[in-house]
Amino acid sequence: MQIKEVQEKLKISSYTLRYYEKMGLIQPYRDENGYRNYSEEDIHKIERIMFLRDINVPIEDIKDILNNKVTFQDVLENHIEKVNTEIESL
């Protein structure tokens, strides 16, 4: 699936997809002419990234989750702790 199809399917900008690639979160296959081709695995990974970004998980934490350095649960518990600290300070 090329970038335009992913944009339409996931309602995401090409800029964001390129940013995720630049940050090392996804690595779509490049064909002979340099076009990005996204696999179903890439699509699922992008959906997961979008969910985590929607709940304000930082890119570095997302990278750690995707690279299995930390668990999703650990990151969410840490995130909840940070949000609770912010709430208390307000």
C-alpha atoms as a PDB file:
ATOM      1  CA  MET A   1       0.000   0.000   0.000  1.00  0.00           C
ATOM      2  CA  GLN A   2       1.491   3.335  -0.999  1.00  0.00           C
ATOM      3  CA  ILE A   3       1.521   6.473   1.141  1.00  0.00           C
ATOM      4  CA  LYS A   4      -1.558   7.987  -0.506  1.00  0.00           C
ATOM      5  CA  GLU A   5      -3.612   4.867   0.246  1.00  0.00           C
ATOM      6  CA  VAL A   6      -2.422   4.837   3.862  1.00  0.00           C
ATOM      7  CA  GLN A   7      -3.347   8.507   4.204  1.00  0.00           C
ATOM      8  CA  GLU A   8      -6.874   7.808   3.019  1.00  0.00           C
ATOM      9  CA  LYS A   9      -7.330   4.613   5.003  1.00  0.00           C
ATOM     10  CA  LEU A  10      -6.044   5.962   8.337  1.00  0.00           C
ATOM     11  CA  LYS A  11      -6.919   9.651   7.897  1.00  0.00           C
ATOM     12  CA  ILE A  12      -3.324  10.662   8.561  1.00  0.00           C
ATOM     13  CA  SER A  13      -1.090  13.133   6.760  1.00  0.00           C
ATOM     14  CA  SER A  14       1.909  12.156   4.664  1.00  0.00           C
ATOM     15  CA  TYR A  15       3.943  14.540   6.821  1.00  0.00           C
ATOM     16  CA  THR A  16       3.061  12.522   9.924  1.00  0.00           C
ATOM     17  CA  LEU A  17       3.918   9.244   8.209  1.00  0.00           C
ATOM     18  CA  ARG A  18       7.285  10.631   7.149  1.00  0.00           C
ATOM     19  CA  TYR A  19       7.870  11.945  10.671  1.00  0.00           C
ATOM     20  CA  TYR A  20       7.173   8.500  12.160  1.00  0.00           C
ATOM     21  CA  GLU A  21       9.647   7.060   9.674  1.00  0.00           C
ATOM     22  CA  LYS A  22      12.244   9.723  10.501  1.00  0.00           C
ATOM     23  CA  MET A  23      11.850   8.968  14.212  1.00  0.00           C
ATOM     24  CA  GLY A  24      12.424   5.263  13.561  1.00  0.00           C
ATOM     25  CA  LEU A  25       8.930   4.141  14.517  1.00  0.00           C
ATOM     26  CA  ILE A  26       8.160   2.582  11.131  1.00  0.00           C
ATOM     27  CA  GLN A  27      10.312   1.396   8.248  1.00  0.00           C
ATOM     28  CA  PRO A  28       8.177   0.907   5.145  1.00  0.00           C
ATOM     29  CA  TYR A  29       9.644  -1.042   2.266  1.00  0.00           C
ATOM     30  CA  ARG A  30      10.978   1.086  -0.597  1.00  0.00           C
ATOM     31  CA  ASP A  31      10.503  -0.216  -4.124  1.00  0.00           C
ATOM     32  CA  GLU A  32      12.867   0.324  -7.060  1.00  0.00           C
ATOM     33  CA  ASN A  33      11.723   3.885  -7.717  1.00  0.00           C
ATOM     34  CA  GLY A  34      11.887   4.866  -4.040  1.00  0.00           C
ATOM     35  CA  TYR A  35       8.157   4.810  -3.319  1.00  0.00           C
ATOM     36  CA  ARG A  36       7.187   3.749   0.171  1.00  0.00           C
ATOM     37  CA  ASN A  37       5.143   0.558   0.345  1.00  0.00           C
ATOM     38  CA  TYR A  38       3.393  -0.141   3.633  1.00  0.00           C
ATOM     39  CA  SER A  39       2.604  -3.693   4.697  1.00  0.00           C
ATOM     40  CA  GLU A  40      -0.369  -4.723   6.814  1.00  0.00           C
ATOM     41  CA  GLU A  41       2.061  -4.983   9.734  1.00  0.00           C
ATOM     42  CA  ASP A  42       3.090  -1.356   9.101  1.00  0.00           C
ATOM     43  CA  ILE A  43      -0.576  -0.319   9.053  1.00  0.00           C
ATOM     44  CA  HIS A  44      -1.227  -2.008  12.409  1.00  0.00           C
ATOM     45  CA  LYS A  45       1.883  -0.391  13.855  1.00  0.00           C
ATOM     46  CA  ILE A  46       0.763   3.045  12.627  1.00  0.00           C
ATOM     47  CA  GLU A  47      -2.672   2.508  14.182  1.00  0.00           C
ATOM     48  CA  ARG A  48      -1.012   1.648  17.483  1.00  0.00           C
ATOM     49  CA  ILE A  49       1.206   4.731  17.248  1.00  0.00           C
ATOM     50  CA  MET A  50      -1.820   6.924  16.498  1.00  0.00           C
ATOM     51  CA  PHE A  51      -3.648   5.546  19.549  1.00  0.00           C
ATOM     52  CA  LEU A  52      -0.660   6.211  21.795  1.00  0.00           C
ATOM     53  CA  ARG A  53      -0.239   9.722  20.414  1.00  0.00           C
ATOM     54  CA  ASP A  54      -3.957  10.373  20.998  1.00  0.00           C
ATOM     55  CA  ILE A  55      -3.395   9.723  24.697  1.00  0.00           C
ATOM     56  CA  ASN A  56      -0.271  11.928  24.663  1.00  0.00           C
ATOM     57  CA  VAL A  57       2.362   9.226  25.048  1.00  0.00           C
ATOM     58  CA  PRO A  58       5.731  10.740  24.011  1.00  0.00           C
ATOM     59  CA  ILE A  59       7.449   9.497  20.865  1.00  0.00           C
ATOM     60  CA  GLU A  60      10.418   8.142  22.845  1.00  0.00           C
ATOM     61  CA  ASP A  61       8.093   6.022  24.993  1.00  0.00           C
ATOM     62  CA  ILE A  62       6.327   4.761  21.869  1.00  0.00           C
ATOM     63  CA  LYS A  63       9.694   3.808  20.397  1.00  0.00           C
ATOM     64  CA  ASP A  64      10.524   1.877  23.572  1.00  0.00           C
ATOM     65  CA  ILE A  65       7.194   0.030  23.416  1.00  0.00           C
ATOM     66  CA  LEU A  66       7.664  -0.884  19.755  1.00  0.00           C
ATOM     67  CA  ASN A  67      11.223  -2.077  20.419  1.00  0.00           C
ATOM     68  CA  ASN A  68      10.036  -4.151  23.408  1.00  0.00           C
ATOM     69  CA  LYS A  69      12.259  -2.225  25.822  1.00  0.00           C
ATOM     70  CA  VAL A  70       9.259  -1.555  28.080  1.00  0.00           C
ATOM     71  CA  THR A  71       5.744  -2.885  28.229  1.00  0.00           C
ATOM     72  CA  PHE A  72       2.674  -0.975  27.185  1.00  0.00           C
ATOM     73  CA  GLN A  73       1.381  -1.313  30.744  1.00  0.00           C
ATOM     74  CA  ASP A  74       4.566   0.185  32.248  1.00  0.00           C
ATOM     75  CA  VAL A  75       4.365   3.201  29.962  1.00  0.00           C
ATOM     76  CA  LEU A  76       0.672   3.724  30.695  1.00  0.00           C
ATOM     77  CA  GLU A  77       1.206   3.481  34.454  1.00  0.00           C
ATOM     78  CA  ASN A  78       4.007   6.031  34.202  1.00  0.00           C
ATOM     79  CA  HIS A  79       1.830   8.238  31.995  1.00  0.00           C
ATOM     80  CA  ILE A  80      -1.064   8.048  34.487  1.00  0.00           C
ATOM     81  CA  GLU A  81       1.313   8.997  37.287  1.00  0.00           C
ATOM     82  CA  LYS A  82       2.496  12.065  35.330  1.00  0.00           C
ATOM     83  CA  VAL A  83      -1.092  13.116  34.569  1.00  0.00           C
ATOM     84  CA  ASN A  84      -2.075  12.744  38.213  1.00  0.00           C
ATOM     85  CA  THR A  85       0.914  14.886  39.232  1.00  0.00           C
ATOM     86  CA  GLU A  86      -0.159  17.560  36.746  1.00  0.00           C
ATOM     87  CA  ILE A  87      -3.717  17.455  38.095  1.00  0.00           C
ATOM     88  CA  GLU A  88      -2.483  17.872  41.653  1.00  0.00           C
ATOM     89  CA  SER A  89      -0.302  20.821  40.696  1.00  0.00           C
ATOM     90  CA  LEU A  90      -3.266  22.548  39.039  1.00  0.00           C
END
